Amino acid sequence: MKFPKQYTLKEIAELIDCEFVGPDAFPVYGMNEIHVVEPGDIVFVDHPKYYDKALQSAATVILINKTVDCPEGKALLVSDDPFRDFNKLTQHFKPFKSADTSISSSAVIGQGTIVQPHCFIGNNVVIGSNCVIHPNVCIYDDTIIGDHVIIHAGTVLGASAFYYKKRPEGYDQLLSGGRVIIKNNVHIGALCTIDRGVTGDTIINEGSKLDNQIQIGHDTVVGKNCLIASQVGIAGCVIIEDEVTIWGQVGSTSAITIGKKAVILAQSGISKSLEGHKTYFGYPAEESRLKLKELAMIKKIPEIIAQLKNKP
């Protein structure tokens, strides 16, 4: 998430009332999670296990809960609670704006696009030309939709990321200030949910087709011309490369990559990154031929035991 203008390190420190290490005028351009940070961004870290990863990332400002040696060319924001203060920055730069109409006056809707009754279209939404938005679709603020997109009834684009920190008093949500981007010629079925990025974008690329009742987590990127069948659940920060096929009721863990032209058979569970150009099945998902051979061998276990018992 980029800020509307360049800020200084001192200005950001004053916004969240914390100490800083670095020149007062050190430039700050935005804030992002570690998997999408760029030079000029703030990244937060609140666990020693991840200090080095954050300090060595592309981010040039690290919001951290301990004073450490600052890498050359970078700056620190030292906070007793980086999670809380990252939320403060999100609230400042991307505050929630309540709606008073079903289609925001700031929304831009392209020529030839049809919006059926009882849809909600939020602030700063952009919808391209020749789209069809069926009834009861909810499109949250800042979503961008390309041309020739079809979205069926009851789908929600842009809900908050499922991202929480456990506190003694309960769970504290990391606020979402990112977007959903739907590229040209995408079809989205009924009752799908696509969460916005925390600070970056959740993207469905050109030509991909989603069936009904699919969940796509925050900051996930679905490649071009993918097919995803019903009741699939994709966690956050997943990269699905081009022309992947995922059949019904598949689930995935977060922060993995599914390679180009991979096929995931129904009811599989993806626990790690998968290479492209292969077919997978089972839990944990493995190459389908190997998995099916294993299942065939398991069926022979009673026969093998019986033979062992009868052996002189």
C-alpha atoms as a PDB file:
ATOM      1  CA  MET A   1       0.000   0.000   0.000  1.00  0.00           C
ATOM      2  CA  LYS A   2       1.552   3.262  -1.122  1.00  0.00           C
ATOM      3  CA  PHE A   3       0.897   6.505   0.750  1.00  0.00           C
ATOM      4  CA  PRO A   4      -0.662   9.436  -1.125  1.00  0.00           C
ATOM      5  CA  LYS A   5       2.620  11.324  -0.795  1.00  0.00           C
ATOM      6  CA  GLN A   6       6.139  10.873   0.555  1.00  0.00           C
ATOM      7  CA  TYR A   7       6.403  11.036   4.349  1.00  0.00           C
ATOM      8  CA  THR A   8       9.465  11.346   6.567  1.00  0.00           C
ATOM      9  CA  LEU A   9      10.531   8.864   9.219  1.00  0.00           C
ATOM     10  CA  LYS A  10       9.886  11.482  11.894  1.00  0.00           C
ATOM     11  CA  GLU A  11       6.342  12.113  10.636  1.00  0.00           C
ATOM     12  CA  ILE A  12       5.513   8.398  10.708  1.00  0.00           C
ATOM     13  CA  ALA A  13       7.020   8.021  14.191  1.00  0.00           C
ATOM     14  CA  GLU A  14       4.836  10.884  15.414  1.00  0.00           C
ATOM     15  CA  LEU A  15       1.718   9.244  13.947  1.00  0.00           C
ATOM     16  CA  ILE A  16       2.252   6.109  16.045  1.00  0.00           C
ATOM     17  CA  ASP A  17       4.079   7.795  18.956  1.00  0.00           C
ATOM     18  CA  CYS A  18       7.230   5.672  18.874  1.00  0.00           C
ATOM     19  CA  GLU A  19      10.997   6.132  18.810  1.00  0.00           C
ATOM     20  CA  PHE A  20      12.988   5.853  15.612  1.00  0.00           C
ATOM     21  CA  VAL A  21      16.526   5.126  14.447  1.00  0.00           C
ATOM     22  CA  GLY A  22      17.611   6.992  11.346  1.00  0.00           C
ATOM     23  CA  PRO A  23      17.602  10.510   9.897  1.00  0.00           C
ATOM     24  CA  ASP A  24      14.500  12.636  10.613  1.00  0.00           C
ATOM     25  CA  ALA A  25      13.941  13.157   6.887  1.00  0.00           C
ATOM     26  CA  PHE A  26      14.426   9.501   5.877  1.00  0.00           C
ATOM     27  CA  PRO A  27      11.807   8.964   3.108  1.00  0.00           C
ATOM     28  CA  VAL A  28       8.844   6.639   3.608  1.00  0.00           C
ATOM     29  CA  TYR A  29       6.573   5.812   0.665  1.00  0.00           C
ATOM     30  CA  GLY A  30       4.251   3.067   1.906  1.00  0.00           C
ATOM     31  CA  MET A  31       3.706  -0.017   4.074  1.00  0.00           C
ATOM     32  CA  ASN A  32       3.475  -3.677   3.183  1.00  0.00           C
ATOM     33  CA  GLU A  33       3.690  -7.219   4.449  1.00  0.00           C
ATOM     34  CA  ILE A  34       7.033  -8.909   4.030  1.00  0.00           C
ATOM     35  CA  HIS A  35       6.100 -10.936   0.920  1.00  0.00           C
ATOM     36  CA  VAL A  36       5.299  -7.794  -1.094  1.00  0.00           C
ATOM     37  CA  VAL A  37       7.588  -5.105   0.393  1.00  0.00           C
ATOM     38  CA  GLU A  38       9.531  -2.751  -1.833  1.00  0.00           C
ATOM     39  CA  PRO A  39      12.190  -0.125  -1.117  1.00  0.00           C
ATOM     40  CA  GLY A  40      10.566   2.773   0.733  1.00  0.00           C
ATOM     41  CA  ASP A  41       8.043   0.541   2.511  1.00  0.00           C
ATOM     42  CA  ILE A  42       7.495  -0.121   6.212  1.00  0.00           C
ATOM     43  CA  VAL A  43       7.337  -3.756   7.310  1.00  0.00           C
ATOM     44  CA  PHE A  44       6.508  -4.857  10.856  1.00  0.00           C
ATOM     45  CA  VAL A  45       8.076  -7.654  12.895  1.00  0.00           C
ATOM     46  CA  ASP A  46       7.325  -8.607  16.505  1.00  0.00           C
ATOM     47  CA  HIS A  47       9.070 -11.968  17.011  1.00  0.00           C
ATOM     48  CA  PRO A  48      12.839 -12.613  17.257  1.00  0.00           C
ATOM     49  CA  LYS A  49      12.459 -15.580  14.898  1.00  0.00           C
ATOM     50  CA  TYR A  50      11.671 -13.177  12.045  1.00  0.00           C
ATOM     51  CA  TYR A  51      13.950 -10.234  12.896  1.00  0.00           C
ATOM     52  CA  ASP A  52      16.637 -11.131  10.343  1.00  0.00           C
ATOM     53  CA  LYS A  53      14.104 -11.805   7.599  1.00  0.00           C
ATOM     54  CA  ALA A  54      12.518  -8.379   8.108  1.00  0.00           C
ATOM     55  CA  LEU A  55      15.820  -6.533   8.457  1.00  0.00           C
ATOM     56  CA  GLN A  56      17.176  -8.157   5.292  1.00  0.00           C
ATOM     57  CA  SER A  57      13.971  -7.703   3.270  1.00  0.00           C
ATOM     58  CA  ALA A  58      13.441  -5.105   0.561  1.00  0.00           C
ATOM     59  CA  ALA A  59      11.723  -2.860   3.123  1.00  0.00           C
ATOM     60  CA  THR A  60      13.769   0.173   4.121  1.00  0.00           C
ATOM     61  CA  VAL A  61      11.838   0.908   7.327  1.00  0.00           C
ATOM     62  CA  ILE A  62      11.375  -1.843   9.919  1.00  0.00           C
ATOM     63  CA  LEU A  63       8.729  -1.438  12.629  1.00  0.00           C
ATOM     64  CA  ILE A  64      10.201  -3.614  15.379  1.00  0.00           C
ATOM     65  CA  ASN A  65       9.777  -4.225  19.114  1.00  0.00           C
ATOM     66  CA  LYS A  66      13.478  -4.124  20.012  1.00  0.00           C
ATOM     67  CA  THR A  67      16.376  -1.784  19.330  1.00  0.00           C
ATOM     68  CA  VAL A  68      18.786  -3.701  17.086  1.00  0.00           C
ATOM     69  CA  ASP A  69      21.663  -2.783  14.792  1.00  0.00           C
ATOM     70  CA  CYS A  70      20.133  -0.984  11.856  1.00  0.00           C
ATOM     71  CA  PRO A  71      21.316  -2.157   8.431  1.00  0.00           C
ATOM     72  CA  GLU A  72      23.002   0.441   6.263  1.00  0.00           C
ATOM     73  CA  GLY A  73      20.552   2.460   4.185  1.00  0.00           C
ATOM     74  CA  LYS A  74      17.573   1.516   6.378  1.00  0.00           C
ATOM     75  CA  ALA A  75      15.727   2.934   9.371  1.00  0.00           C
ATOM     76  CA  LEU A  76      13.896   1.563  12.408  1.00  0.00           C
ATOM     77  CA  LEU A  77      10.624   2.428  14.115  1.00  0.00           C
ATOM     78  CA  VAL A  78      10.927   1.030  17.653  1.00  0.00           C
ATOM     79  CA  SER A  79       7.567   0.153  19.205  1.00  0.00           C
ATOM     80  CA  ASP A  80       6.417  -1.888  22.191  1.00  0.00           C
ATOM     81  CA  ASP A  81       3.694  -3.376  19.931  1.00  0.00           C
ATOM     82  CA  PRO A  82       4.427  -3.324  16.172  1.00  0.00           C
ATOM     83  CA  PHE A  83       1.169  -5.196  15.353  1.00  0.00           C
ATOM     84  CA  ARG A  84      -0.898  -2.478  17.050  1.00  0.00           C
ATOM     85  CA  ASP A  85       1.049   0.324  15.411  1.00  0.00           C
ATOM     86  CA  PHE A  86       0.882  -1.234  11.948  1.00  0.00           C
ATOM     87  CA  ASN A  87      -2.904  -1.186  12.451  1.00  0.00           C
ATOM     88  CA  LYS A  88      -2.711   2.475  13.475  1.00  0.00           C
ATOM     89  CA  LEU A  89      -1.042   3.283  10.178  1.00  0.00           C
ATOM     90  CA  THR A  90      -3.660   1.330   8.237  1.00  0.00           C
ATOM     91  CA  GLN A  91      -6.423   3.190  10.069  1.00  0.00           C
ATOM     92  CA  HIS A  92      -4.743   6.501   9.268  1.00  0.00           C
ATOM     93  CA  PHE A  93      -4.082   5.930   5.583  1.00  0.00           C
ATOM     94  CA  LYS A  94      -7.025   3.634   4.759  1.00  0.00           C
ATOM     95  CA  PRO A  95      -9.798   4.506   7.228  1.00  0.00           C
ATOM     96  CA  PHE A  96     -13.142   2.722   6.961  1.00  0.00           C
ATOM     97  CA  LYS A  97     -15.736   4.855   5.162  1.00  0.00           C
ATOM     98  CA  SER A  98     -19.362   4.017   5.771  1.00  0.00           C
ATOM     99  CA  ALA A  99     -21.770   3.938   2.835  1.00  0.00           C
ATOM    100  CA  ASP A 100     -25.035   5.818   2.504  1.00  0.00           C
ATOM    101  CA  THR A 101     -26.057   4.443  -0.883  1.00  0.00           C
ATOM    102  CA  SER A 102     -25.958   1.038  -2.559  1.00  0.00           C
ATOM    103  CA  ILE A 103     -23.724   2.287  -5.394  1.00  0.00           C
ATOM    104  CA  SER A 104     -21.110   4.823  -4.340  1.00  0.00           C
ATOM    105  CA  SER A 105     -20.930   8.104  -6.228  1.00  0.00           C
ATOM    106  CA  SER A 106     -17.168   7.569  -6.503  1.00  0.00           C
ATOM    107  CA  ALA A 107     -17.588   4.221  -8.283  1.00  0.00           C
ATOM    108  CA  VAL A 108     -16.781   4.105 -12.005  1.00  0.00           C
ATOM    109  CA  ILE A 109     -18.820   1.663 -14.104  1.00  0.00           C
ATOM    110  CA  GLY A 110     -17.908   1.057 -17.739  1.00  0.00           C
ATOM    111  CA  GLN A 111     -20.064   1.216 -20.831  1.00  0.00           C
ATOM    112  CA  GLY A 112     -22.348  -1.757 -21.422  1.00  0.00           C
ATOM    113  CA  THR A 113     -21.971  -3.141 -17.898  1.00  0.00           C
ATOM    114  CA  ILE A 114     -25.159  -4.458 -16.287  1.00  0.00           C
ATOM    115  CA  VAL A 115     -25.631  -4.230 -12.528  1.00  0.00           C
ATOM    116  CA  GLN A 116     -28.636  -6.268 -11.366  1.00  0.00           C
ATOM    117  CA  PRO A 117     -30.802  -5.199  -8.374  1.00  0.00           C
ATOM    118  CA  HIS A 118     -29.670  -5.327  -4.747  1.00  0.00           C
ATOM    119  CA  CYS A 119     -25.944  -5.075  -5.425  1.00  0.00           C
ATOM    120  CA  PHE A 120     -23.581  -3.039  -3.252  1.00  0.00           C
ATOM    121  CA  ILE A 121     -20.686  -1.223  -4.939  1.00  0.00           C
ATOM    122  CA  GLY A 122     -18.368   0.616  -2.562  1.00  0.00           C
ATOM    123  CA  ASN A 123     -16.143   3.673  -2.654  1.00  0.00           C
ATOM    124  CA  ASN A 124     -13.586   4.015  -5.455  1.00  0.00           C
ATOM    125  CA  VAL A 125     -14.635   0.764  -7.129  1.00  0.00           C
ATOM    126  CA  VAL A 126     -13.794   0.558 -10.841  1.00  0.00           C
ATOM    127  CA  ILE A 127     -15.748  -1.836 -13.079  1.00  0.00           C
ATOM    128  CA  GLY A 128     -14.858  -2.156 -16.759  1.00  0.00           C
ATOM    129  CA  SER A 129     -17.067  -2.433 -19.799  1.00  0.00           C
ATOM    130  CA  ASN A 130     -19.526  -5.174 -20.803  1.00  0.00           C
ATOM    131  CA  CYS A 131     -19.599  -6.862 -17.391  1.00  0.00           C
ATOM    132  CA  VAL A 132     -22.608  -8.540 -15.757  1.00  0.00           C
ATOM    133  CA  ILE A 133     -22.973  -8.197 -11.996  1.00  0.00           C
ATOM    134  CA  HIS A 134     -25.832 -10.417 -10.823  1.00  0.00           C
ATOM    135  CA  PRO A 135     -28.131  -9.687  -7.842  1.00  0.00           C
ATOM    136  CA  ASN A 136     -26.861  -9.416  -4.271  1.00  0.00           C
ATOM    137  CA  VAL A 137     -23.203  -9.126  -5.210  1.00  0.00           C
ATOM    138  CA  CYS A 138     -21.199  -7.087  -2.680  1.00  0.00           C
ATOM    139  CA  ILE A 139     -18.116  -5.260  -3.966  1.00  0.00           C
ATOM    140  CA  TYR A 140     -16.137  -3.558  -1.192  1.00  0.00           C
ATOM    141  CA  ASP A 141     -14.156  -0.313  -1.490  1.00  0.00           C
ATOM    142  CA  ASP A 142     -11.235   0.029  -3.914  1.00  0.00           C
ATOM    143  CA  THR A 143     -11.949  -3.172  -5.869  1.00  0.00           C
ATOM    144  CA  ILE A 144     -10.904  -3.051  -9.527  1.00  0.00           C
ATOM    145  CA  ILE A 145     -12.715  -5.195 -12.114  1.00  0.00           C
ATOM    146  CA  GLY A 146     -11.735  -5.449 -15.776  1.00  0.00           C
ATOM    147  CA  ASP A 147     -13.807  -5.863 -18.944  1.00  0.00           C
ATOM    148  CA  HIS A 148     -16.159  -8.744 -19.835  1.00  0.00           C
ATOM    149  CA  VAL A 149     -16.312 -10.038 -16.259  1.00  0.00           C
ATOM    150  CA  ILE A 150     -19.313 -12.048 -14.996  1.00  0.00           C
ATOM    151  CA  ILE A 151     -20.021 -12.235 -11.258  1.00  0.00           C
ATOM    152  CA  HIS A 152     -22.924 -14.379 -10.083  1.00  0.00           C
ATOM    153  CA  ALA A 153     -25.351 -13.788  -7.236  1.00  0.00           C
ATOM    154  CA  GLY A 154     -24.236 -13.539  -3.638  1.00  0.00           C
ATOM    155  CA  THR A 155     -20.503 -13.210  -4.263  1.00  0.00           C
ATOM    156  CA  VAL A 156     -18.467 -10.903  -1.991  1.00  0.00           C
ATOM    157  CA  LEU A 157     -15.294  -9.189  -3.195  1.00  0.00           C
ATOM    158  CA  GLY A 158     -13.032  -7.405  -0.718  1.00  0.00           C
ATOM    159  CA  ALA A 159     -13.890  -8.710   2.753  1.00  0.00           C
ATOM    160  CA  SER A 160     -11.197  -8.489   5.426  1.00  0.00           C
ATOM    161  CA  ALA A 161      -8.249 -10.871   5.613  1.00  0.00           C
ATOM    162  CA  PHE A 162      -8.490 -13.731   8.103  1.00  0.00           C
ATOM    163  CA  TYR A 163      -5.417 -12.596  10.028  1.00  0.00           C
ATOM    164  CA  TYR A 164      -5.368 -12.444  13.839  1.00  0.00           C
ATOM    165  CA  LYS A 165      -2.896 -12.136  16.703  1.00  0.00           C
ATOM    166  CA  LYS A 166      -3.750 -13.928  19.927  1.00  0.00           C
ATOM    167  CA  ARG A 167      -3.814 -11.649  22.961  1.00  0.00           C
ATOM    168  CA  PRO A 168      -4.510 -12.570  26.613  1.00  0.00           C
ATOM    169  CA  GLU A 169      -7.933 -10.961  26.248  1.00  0.00           C
ATOM    170  CA  GLY A 170      -8.757 -12.554  22.871  1.00  0.00           C
ATOM    171  CA  TYR A 171      -7.890 -12.191  19.183  1.00  0.00           C
ATOM    172  CA  ASP A 172      -6.728  -8.918  17.640  1.00  0.00           C
ATOM    173  CA  GLN A 173      -7.342  -8.526  13.899  1.00  0.00           C
ATOM    174  CA  LEU A 174      -4.741  -7.171  11.512  1.00  0.00           C
ATOM    175  CA  LEU A 175      -6.670  -4.557   9.563  1.00  0.00           C
ATOM    176  CA  SER A 176      -6.908  -4.882   5.798  1.00  0.00           C
ATOM    177  CA  GLY A 177      -6.064  -1.912   3.602  1.00  0.00           C
ATOM    178  CA  GLY A 178      -5.391  -3.751   0.347  1.00  0.00           C
ATOM    179  CA  ARG A 179      -7.555  -4.419  -2.697  1.00  0.00           C
ATOM    180  CA  VAL A 180      -9.109  -7.093  -4.876  1.00  0.00           C
ATOM    181  CA  ILE A 181      -8.261  -6.933  -8.583  1.00  0.00           C
ATOM    182  CA  ILE A 182     -10.207  -8.978 -11.130  1.00  0.00           C
ATOM    183  CA  LYS A 183      -8.721  -8.919 -14.635  1.00  0.00           C
ATOM    184  CA  ASN A 184     -10.514  -9.173 -18.008  1.00  0.00           C
ATOM    185  CA  ASN A 185     -12.718 -12.130 -19.009  1.00  0.00           C
ATOM    186  CA  VAL A 186     -12.915 -13.640 -15.533  1.00  0.00           C
ATOM    187  CA  HIS A 187     -16.085 -15.517 -14.524  1.00  0.00           C
ATOM    188  CA  ILE A 188     -16.925 -15.854 -10.830  1.00  0.00           C
ATOM    189  CA  GLY A 189     -19.727 -18.159  -9.683  1.00  0.00           C
ATOM    190  CA  ALA A 190     -22.371 -17.684  -7.016  1.00  0.00           C
ATOM    191  CA  LEU A 191     -21.564 -17.308  -3.322  1.00  0.00           C
ATOM    192  CA  CYS A 192     -17.810 -16.932  -3.767  1.00  0.00           C
ATOM    193  CA  THR A 193     -15.700 -14.886  -1.354  1.00  0.00           C
ATOM    194  CA  ILE A 194     -12.452 -13.196  -2.342  1.00  0.00           C
ATOM    195  CA  ASP A 195     -10.690 -11.371   0.496  1.00  0.00           C
ATOM    196  CA  ARG A 196      -8.782  -8.143  -0.011  1.00  0.00           C
ATOM    197  CA  GLY A 197      -5.048  -7.995   0.563  1.00  0.00           C
ATOM    198  CA  VAL A 198      -3.767  -6.844   3.935  1.00  0.00           C
ATOM    199  CA  THR A 199      -1.670  -4.125   2.304  1.00  0.00           C
ATOM    200  CA  GLY A 200      -1.255  -5.520  -1.208  1.00  0.00           C
ATOM    201  CA  ASP A 201      -3.664  -6.978  -3.744  1.00  0.00           C
ATOM    202  CA  THR A 202      -5.566 -10.227  -4.140  1.00  0.00           C
ATOM    203  CA  ILE A 203      -5.565 -10.827  -7.891  1.00  0.00           C
ATOM    204  CA  ILE A 204      -7.548 -13.069 -10.241  1.00  0.00           C
ATOM    205  CA  ASN A 205      -5.810 -12.876 -13.591  1.00  0.00           C
ATOM    206  CA  GLU A 206      -7.256 -12.783 -17.089  1.00  0.00           C
ATOM    207  CA  GLY A 207      -9.464 -15.592 -18.326  1.00  0.00           C
ATOM    208  CA  SER A 208      -9.730 -17.565 -15.085  1.00  0.00           C
ATOM    209  CA  LYS A 209     -13.051 -19.218 -14.220  1.00  0.00           C
ATOM    210  CA  LEU A 210     -14.297 -19.812 -10.685  1.00  0.00           C
ATOM    211  CA  ASP A 211     -17.231 -22.110  -9.880  1.00  0.00           C
ATOM    212  CA  ASN A 212     -19.684 -21.531  -7.011  1.00  0.00           C
ATOM    213  CA  GLN A 213     -18.814 -21.369  -3.298  1.00  0.00           C
ATOM    214  CA  ILE A 214     -15.081 -20.742  -3.536  1.00  0.00           C
ATOM    215  CA  GLN A 215     -12.969 -18.942  -0.911  1.00  0.00           C
ATOM    216  CA  ILE A 216      -9.818 -17.087  -1.981  1.00  0.00           C
ATOM    217  CA  GLY A 217      -7.694 -15.755   0.883  1.00  0.00           C
ATOM    218  CA  HIS A 218      -5.909 -12.419   1.215  1.00  0.00           C
ATOM    219  CA  ASP A 219      -3.007 -11.542  -1.084  1.00  0.00           C
ATOM    220  CA  THR A 220      -3.424 -14.702  -3.156  1.00  0.00           C
ATOM    221  CA  VAL A 221      -2.670 -14.423  -6.876  1.00  0.00           C
ATOM    222  CA  VAL A 222      -4.530 -16.698  -9.306  1.00  0.00           C
ATOM    223  CA  GLY A 223      -2.860 -16.901 -12.718  1.00  0.00           C
ATOM    224  CA  LYS A 224      -4.317 -16.674 -16.205  1.00  0.00           C
ATOM    225  CA  ASN A 225      -6.846 -19.207 -17.522  1.00  0.00           C
ATOM    226  CA  CYS A 226      -7.148 -21.211 -14.321  1.00  0.00           C
ATOM    227  CA  LEU A 227     -10.184 -23.406 -13.602  1.00  0.00           C
ATOM    228  CA  ILE A 228     -11.323 -23.739  -9.980  1.00  0.00           C
ATOM    229  CA  ALA A 229     -14.311 -25.968  -9.148  1.00  0.00           C
ATOM    230  CA  SER A 230     -16.817 -25.569  -6.330  1.00  0.00           C
ATOM    231  CA  GLN A 231     -16.063 -25.517  -2.598  1.00  0.00           C
ATOM    232  CA  VAL A 232     -12.340 -24.955  -3.014  1.00  0.00           C
ATOM    233  CA  GLY A 233     -10.649 -23.063  -0.176  1.00  0.00           C
ATOM    234  CA  ILE A 234      -7.392 -21.256  -0.945  1.00  0.00           C
ATOM    235  CA  ALA A 235      -5.537 -19.713   1.997  1.00  0.00           C
ATOM    236  CA  GLY A 236      -3.775 -16.352   2.019  1.00  0.00           C
ATOM    237  CA  CYS A 237      -0.577 -15.478   0.148  1.00  0.00           C
ATOM    238  CA  VAL A 238      -0.822 -18.399  -2.291  1.00  0.00           C
ATOM    239  CA  ILE A 239       0.516 -18.103  -5.835  1.00  0.00           C
ATOM    240  CA  ILE A 240      -1.409 -20.171  -8.383  1.00  0.00           C
ATOM    241  CA  GLU A 241       0.393 -20.028 -11.702  1.00  0.00           C
ATOM    242  CA  ASP A 242      -1.246 -19.982 -15.160  1.00  0.00           C
ATOM    243  CA  GLU A 243      -3.589 -22.713 -16.435  1.00  0.00           C
ATOM    244  CA  VAL A 244      -3.889 -24.582 -13.135  1.00  0.00           C
ATOM    245  CA  THR A 245      -6.994 -26.764 -12.655  1.00  0.00           C
ATOM    246  CA  ILE A 246      -8.313 -27.313  -9.130  1.00  0.00           C
ATOM    247  CA  TRP A 247     -11.272 -29.657  -8.700  1.00  0.00           C
ATOM    248  CA  GLY A 248     -13.953 -29.580  -5.993  1.00  0.00           C
ATOM    249  CA  GLN A 249     -13.360 -29.376  -2.242  1.00  0.00           C
ATOM    250  CA  VAL A 250      -9.608 -28.917  -2.442  1.00  0.00           C
ATOM    251  CA  GLY A 251      -8.025 -27.002   0.439  1.00  0.00           C
ATOM    252  CA  SER A 252      -4.614 -25.368   0.705  1.00  0.00           C
ATOM    253  CA  THR A 253      -2.301 -24.001   3.348  1.00  0.00           C
ATOM    254  CA  SER A 254      -0.939 -20.454   3.068  1.00  0.00           C
ATOM    255  CA  ALA A 255       2.166 -19.032   1.378  1.00  0.00           C
ATOM    256  CA  ILE A 256       2.722 -21.798  -1.176  1.00  0.00           C
ATOM    257  CA  THR A 257       3.047 -21.896  -4.962  1.00  0.00           C
ATOM    258  CA  ILE A 258       1.113 -24.191  -7.301  1.00  0.00           C
ATOM    259  CA  GLY A 259       3.024 -24.509 -10.553  1.00  0.00           C
ATOM    260  CA  LYS A 260       1.818 -23.853 -14.079  1.00  0.00           C
ATOM    261  CA  LYS A 261      -0.649 -26.371 -15.571  1.00  0.00           C
ATOM    262  CA  ALA A 262      -0.817 -28.436 -12.378  1.00  0.00           C
ATOM    263  CA  VAL A 263      -4.061 -30.400 -11.856  1.00  0.00           C
ATOM    264  CA  ILE A 264      -5.337 -30.977  -8.311  1.00  0.00           C
ATOM    265  CA  LEU A 265      -7.935 -33.738  -8.074  1.00  0.00           C
ATOM    266  CA  ALA A 266     -11.054 -33.410  -5.901  1.00  0.00           C
ATOM    267  CA  GLN A 267     -10.862 -33.409  -2.087  1.00  0.00           C
ATOM    268  CA  SER A 268      -7.084 -33.111  -2.013  1.00  0.00           C
ATOM    269  CA  GLY A 269      -5.242 -31.143   0.674  1.00  0.00           C
ATOM    270  CA  ILE A 270      -2.251 -29.042  -0.339  1.00  0.00           C
ATOM    271  CA  SER A 271       0.286 -28.687   2.468  1.00  0.00           C
ATOM    272  CA  LYS A 272       3.331 -27.502   0.482  1.00  0.00           C
ATOM    273  CA  SER A 273       4.286 -26.007  -2.884  1.00  0.00           C
ATOM    274  CA  LEU A 274       3.623 -28.206  -5.921  1.00  0.00           C
ATOM    275  CA  GLU A 275       5.497 -28.364  -9.217  1.00  0.00           C
ATOM    276  CA  GLY A 276       3.689 -27.568 -12.438  1.00  0.00           C
ATOM    277  CA  HIS A 277       2.683 -29.908 -15.272  1.00  0.00           C
ATOM    278  CA  LYS A 278       1.718 -32.729 -12.869  1.00  0.00           C
ATOM    279  CA  THR A 279      -1.524 -34.178 -11.470  1.00  0.00           C
ATOM    280  CA  TYR A 280      -1.949 -34.434  -7.692  1.00  0.00           C
ATOM    281  CA  PHE A 281      -4.312 -36.227  -5.322  1.00  0.00           C
ATOM    282  CA  GLY A 282      -4.818 -36.970  -1.634  1.00  0.00           C
ATOM    283  CA  TYR A 283      -3.709 -35.492   1.657  1.00  0.00           C
ATOM    284  CA  PRO A 284      -1.057 -34.417   1.716  1.00  0.00           C
ATOM    285  CA  ALA A 285      -1.380 -33.958  -2.034  1.00  0.00           C
ATOM    286  CA  GLU A 286       1.156 -36.015  -3.996  1.00  0.00           C
ATOM    287  CA  GLU A 287       1.471 -37.097  -7.610  1.00  0.00           C
ATOM    288  CA  SER A 288      -1.749 -38.958  -8.310  1.00  0.00           C
ATOM    289  CA  ARG A 289      -0.185 -42.109  -9.814  1.00  0.00           C
ATOM    290  CA  LEU A 290       1.979 -42.661  -6.728  1.00  0.00           C
ATOM    291  CA  LYS A 291      -0.889 -41.899  -4.363  1.00  0.00           C
ATOM    292  CA  LEU A 292      -3.277 -44.292  -6.121  1.00  0.00           C
ATOM    293  CA  LYS A 293      -0.640 -47.045  -6.068  1.00  0.00           C
ATOM    294  CA  GLU A 294      -0.241 -46.507  -2.317  1.00  0.00           C
ATOM    295  CA  LEU A 295      -3.990 -46.816  -1.800  1.00  0.00           C
ATOM    296  CA  ALA A 296      -4.044 -50.027  -3.854  1.00  0.00           C
ATOM    297  CA  MET A 297      -1.256 -51.466  -1.724  1.00  0.00           C
ATOM    298  CA  ILE A 298      -3.062 -50.512   1.505  1.00  0.00           C
ATOM    299  CA  LYS A 299      -6.049 -52.594   0.368  1.00  0.00           C
ATOM    300  CA  LYS A 300      -3.745 -55.621   0.134  1.00  0.00           C
ATOM    301  CA  ILE A 301      -2.615 -55.381   3.777  1.00  0.00           C
ATOM    302  CA  PRO A 302      -5.364 -57.739   5.157  1.00  0.00           C
ATOM    303  CA  GLU A 303      -4.433 -60.320   2.494  1.00  0.00           C
ATOM    304  CA  ILE A 304      -0.741 -60.058   3.344  1.00  0.00           C
ATOM    305  CA  ILE A 305      -1.452 -60.425   7.075  1.00  0.00           C
ATOM    306  CA  ALA A 306      -3.598 -63.500   6.433  1.00  0.00           C
ATOM    307  CA  GLN A 307      -0.821 -65.047   4.361  1.00  0.00           C
ATOM    308  CA  LEU A 308       1.696 -64.403   7.135  1.00  0.00           C
ATOM    309  CA  LYS A 309      -0.586 -66.009   9.721  1.00  0.00           C
ATOM    310  CA  ASN A 310      -0.988 -69.124   7.604  1.00  0.00           C
ATOM    311  CA  LYS A 311       2.703 -69.401   6.857  1.00  0.00           C
ATOM    312  CA  PRO A 312       4.242 -72.522   8.547  1.00  0.00           C
END
